[in-house]
Amino acid sequence: MGKFVPDVDIDFANRDHALEGLVHVPATRIERDDLRKHVVGVYFQAIPQDPLTGWASIPYEQAEQRGYFKVDFLNLNVYKQVRDEDHLNDLLSREPMWELLDDPEVVDQLFQLGGVIDGIPTSDLISAYKPRSIMDLAIFLALIRPSKKHLIGREWHEIKEEIWVATDDGQYGFKKAHAISYAHVIVVQLNLLVEQASE
């Protein structure tokens, strides 16, 4: 059994504002044999830094193996429409109008859902599977990632059996916790759309 490596993502309306005043080092990754700045990852530990850029001098995969802990600070524009914590809790507590997911124009506006998978609009796929709960939506979000898209076209009960089974194919996939978290963001968006339409 391998060493457990935590994976922490924190969502913000403005990540730069959230990082102001916090001593941190931007994480890095390897891209085309070059060390590049990670889009959202930061370290709050004393990690070796490149003296010219101030970025971590160790790519995040190797840094994890050496015991460094990367935290991803993500920009989520949907939170700019949330007034305060009470508003967010209210949006999360409401059952969304799941039938909005049958409208391609709505789906194209939603976090992680707009776009095309292997030539098929995501809106067509979501309309075919008709998620009607947070867990259904989380499963769908995991399904459209590269490591699980081979399951597209199968029956829903088959997908549910295989979706959280880890693969070692090296392709990007969603962990269950990520998928559930992102499903909650979509619920917030759906409820905001309804709220804004009624104003």
Protein backbone atom coordinates (compact mmCIF):
# COMPACT_ATOMS: atom_id res chain seq x y z
CA MET A 1 0.00 0.00 0.00
CA GLY A 2 1.42 3.37 -1.05
CA LYS A 3 1.88 6.39 1.15
CA PHE A 4 -1.28 8.51 1.46
CA VAL A 5 -0.85 11.88 -0.26
CA PRO A 6 -3.56 14.39 0.64
CA ASP A 7 -5.11 16.39 -2.16
CA VAL A 8 -6.59 19.70 -1.04
CA ASP A 9 -8.44 22.10 -3.33
CA ILE A 10 -9.95 25.31 -1.95
CA ASP A 11 -12.32 27.35 -4.10
CA PHE A 12 -12.35 31.15 -4.09
CA ALA A 13 -14.10 33.88 -6.02
CA ASN A 14 -10.64 35.49 -6.32
CA ARG A 15 -7.62 33.33 -5.50
CA ASP A 16 -5.18 36.25 -5.68
CA HIS A 17 -7.13 38.11 -3.02
CA ALA A 18 -7.17 34.97 -0.84
CA LEU A 19 -3.39 34.59 -1.14
CA GLU A 20 -2.62 38.23 -0.28
CA GLY A 21 -0.50 38.40 2.85
CA LEU A 22 0.08 34.63 2.98
CA VAL A 23 3.71 33.57 2.59
CA HIS A 24 3.64 30.92 -0.12
CA VAL A 25 5.67 29.45 -2.96
CA PRO A 26 4.01 28.74 -6.33
CA ALA A 27 4.13 25.06 -7.25
CA THR A 28 5.60 23.89 -10.54
CA ARG A 29 5.04 21.13 -13.07
CA ILE A 30 6.97 19.72 -16.00
CA GLU A 31 5.64 20.67 -19.43
CA ARG A 32 7.56 19.80 -22.60
CA ASP A 33 10.68 19.14 -20.51
CA ASP A 34 10.52 22.62 -18.93
CA LEU A 35 9.66 23.60 -15.39
CA ARG A 36 6.45 25.68 -15.55
CA LYS A 37 4.40 27.41 -12.90
CA HIS A 38 1.45 25.31 -11.71
CA VAL A 39 -1.79 27.10 -12.51
CA VAL A 40 -3.26 26.96 -8.98
CA GLY A 41 -0.92 25.03 -6.65
CA VAL A 42 1.03 26.66 -3.82
CA TYR A 43 3.17 25.54 -0.88
CA PHE A 44 3.08 27.01 2.60
CA GLN A 45 6.24 25.10 3.52
CA ALA A 46 9.87 26.08 3.02
CA ILE A 47 10.40 24.29 -0.29
CA PRO A 48 13.51 24.89 -2.44
CA GLN A 49 12.88 27.79 -4.83
CA ASP A 50 14.23 28.89 -8.17
CA PRO A 51 16.11 32.13 -7.35
CA LEU A 52 14.97 33.86 -10.55
CA THR A 53 11.26 33.04 -10.57
CA GLY A 54 10.55 32.38 -6.89
CA TRP A 55 8.71 29.21 -7.92
CA ALA A 56 9.31 25.79 -6.38
CA SER A 57 12.39 24.26 -7.98
CA ILE A 58 10.93 20.75 -7.62
CA PRO A 59 7.91 19.77 -9.78
CA TYR A 60 4.88 18.93 -7.68
CA GLU A 61 4.90 15.18 -8.40
CA GLN A 62 8.46 14.88 -7.06
CA ALA A 63 7.74 17.35 -4.27
CA GLU A 64 4.90 15.11 -3.04
CA GLN A 65 7.31 12.14 -2.92
CA ARG A 66 9.65 14.26 -0.77
CA GLY A 67 6.90 15.14 1.71
CA TYR A 68 5.90 18.60 0.48
CA PHE A 69 2.20 19.40 0.60
CA LYS A 70 0.64 21.33 -2.30
CA VAL A 71 -2.64 23.18 -1.81
CA ASP A 72 -4.63 24.19 -4.88
CA PHE A 73 -6.25 27.64 -4.63
CA LEU A 74 -8.89 27.67 -7.37
CA ASN A 75 -10.72 30.59 -8.96
CA LEU A 76 -14.43 29.87 -9.27
CA ASN A 77 -16.28 32.77 -10.81
CA VAL A 78 -19.64 31.38 -9.69
CA TYR A 79 -18.79 32.50 -6.15
CA LYS A 80 -18.71 36.13 -7.26
CA GLN A 81 -22.51 35.92 -7.39
CA VAL A 82 -22.78 34.60 -3.82
CA ARG A 83 -23.41 37.44 -1.36
CA ASP A 84 -22.20 35.82 1.85
CA GLU A 85 -21.95 32.55 3.77
CA ASP A 86 -25.67 32.49 4.59
CA HIS A 87 -26.51 32.94 0.91
CA LEU A 88 -24.16 30.08 -0.02
CA ASN A 89 -25.68 27.79 2.62
CA ASP A 90 -29.16 28.65 1.35
CA LEU A 91 -28.17 27.87 -2.25
CA LEU A 92 -26.65 24.55 -1.18
CA SER A 93 -29.64 23.53 0.90
CA ARG A 94 -32.21 23.96 -1.89
CA GLU A 95 -33.09 21.06 -4.18
CA PRO A 96 -32.21 22.35 -7.65
CA MET A 97 -34.46 22.18 -10.69
CA TRP A 98 -32.72 19.12 -12.13
CA GLU A 99 -34.72 19.41 -15.36
CA LEU A 100 -32.60 22.49 -16.20
CA LEU A 101 -29.89 19.96 -17.09
CA ASP A 102 -32.02 18.96 -20.08
CA ASP A 103 -31.50 22.43 -21.61
CA PRO A 104 -28.26 22.59 -23.67
CA GLU A 105 -28.02 26.37 -23.21
CA VAL A 106 -28.05 25.95 -19.43
CA VAL A 107 -25.56 23.05 -19.47
CA ASP A 108 -23.11 25.07 -21.55
CA GLN A 109 -23.01 27.72 -18.80
CA LEU A 110 -22.30 25.27 -15.99
CA PHE A 111 -19.00 24.60 -14.26
CA GLN A 112 -17.20 21.56 -15.72
CA LEU A 113 -20.10 20.67 -18.04
CA GLY A 114 -19.92 22.84 -21.15
CA GLY A 115 -18.10 21.40 -24.12
CA VAL A 116 -17.74 18.26 -26.21
CA ILE A 117 -16.53 14.75 -25.34
CA ASP A 118 -15.32 12.70 -28.32
CA GLY A 119 -17.48 14.73 -30.69
CA ILE A 120 -20.60 14.48 -28.50
CA PRO A 121 -21.85 17.67 -26.82
CA THR A 122 -21.79 17.24 -23.04
CA SER A 123 -25.35 18.56 -22.99
CA ASP A 124 -26.44 15.53 -25.08
CA LEU A 125 -24.71 13.14 -22.69
CA ILE A 126 -26.14 14.70 -19.56
CA SER A 127 -29.60 14.72 -21.13
CA ALA A 128 -29.25 11.01 -21.91
CA TYR A 129 -28.18 10.06 -18.36
CA LYS A 130 -30.43 12.58 -16.55
CA PRO A 131 -28.67 13.01 -13.19
CA ARG A 132 -31.21 13.91 -10.52
CA SER A 133 -29.11 13.96 -7.36
CA ILE A 134 -25.73 15.20 -6.13
CA MET A 135 -24.31 11.67 -6.39
CA ASP A 136 -25.68 11.16 -9.91
CA LEU A 137 -24.13 14.45 -10.95
CA ALA A 138 -20.81 13.52 -9.31
CA ILE A 139 -20.81 10.21 -11.21
CA PHE A 140 -21.50 12.06 -14.44
CA LEU A 141 -18.63 14.51 -13.78
CA ALA A 142 -16.28 11.56 -13.23
CA LEU A 143 -17.63 9.81 -16.33
CA ILE A 144 -16.60 12.60 -18.70
CA ARG A 145 -12.97 12.60 -17.54
CA PRO A 146 -10.41 10.84 -19.78
CA SER A 147 -9.84 7.90 -17.43
CA LYS A 148 -13.53 6.95 -17.36
CA LYS A 149 -14.99 8.12 -20.66
CA HIS A 150 -14.66 4.56 -21.99
CA LEU A 151 -17.77 3.90 -19.87
CA ILE A 152 -19.87 6.35 -21.90
CA GLY A 153 -22.70 4.50 -23.60
CA ARG A 154 -23.01 1.86 -20.90
CA GLU A 155 -26.05 1.45 -18.70
CA TRP A 156 -26.15 3.71 -15.63
CA HIS A 157 -26.00 0.78 -13.17
CA GLU A 158 -22.81 -0.49 -14.86
CA ILE A 159 -21.23 2.96 -14.72
CA LYS A 160 -22.05 3.28 -11.01
CA GLU A 161 -20.26 -0.02 -10.32
CA GLU A 162 -17.04 1.02 -12.07
CA ILE A 163 -16.81 4.79 -11.80
CA TRP A 164 -14.83 4.98 -8.53
CA VAL A 165 -12.55 2.02 -9.26
CA ALA A 166 -9.00 3.37 -9.49
CA THR A 167 -7.19 2.95 -12.78
CA ASP A 168 -3.46 3.03 -13.48
CA ASP A 169 -3.73 4.09 -17.12
CA GLY A 170 -2.11 7.47 -16.40
CA GLN A 171 -5.14 9.37 -17.66
CA TYR A 172 -6.76 12.20 -15.76
CA GLY A 173 -9.73 11.25 -13.64
CA PHE A 174 -11.81 12.55 -10.76
CA LYS A 175 -11.64 11.24 -7.24
CA LYS A 176 -15.02 10.78 -5.60
CA ALA A 177 -14.48 13.70 -3.20
CA HIS A 178 -13.63 16.06 -6.07
CA ALA A 179 -16.61 14.98 -8.10
CA ILE A 180 -19.01 15.45 -5.19
CA SER A 181 -17.55 18.87 -4.42
CA TYR A 182 -17.89 19.96 -8.03
CA ALA A 183 -21.46 18.64 -8.15
CA HIS A 184 -22.25 20.95 -5.24
CA VAL A 185 -20.83 23.90 -7.20
CA ILE A 186 -23.19 23.05 -10.06
CA VAL A 187 -26.12 22.93 -7.62
CA VAL A 188 -25.15 26.42 -6.46
CA GLN A 189 -25.10 27.57 -10.11
CA LEU A 190 -28.47 26.00 -10.91
CA ASN A 191 -30.05 27.64 -7.87
CA LEU A 192 -28.44 30.98 -8.74
CA LEU A 193 -29.91 30.77 -12.25
CA VAL A 194 -33.38 30.22 -10.80
CA GLU A 195 -32.88 32.97 -8.23
CA GLN A 196 -31.74 35.46 -10.87
CA ALA A 197 -34.62 34.57 -13.20
CA SER A 198 -37.13 35.30 -10.45
CA GLU A 199 -35.68 38.73 -9.56
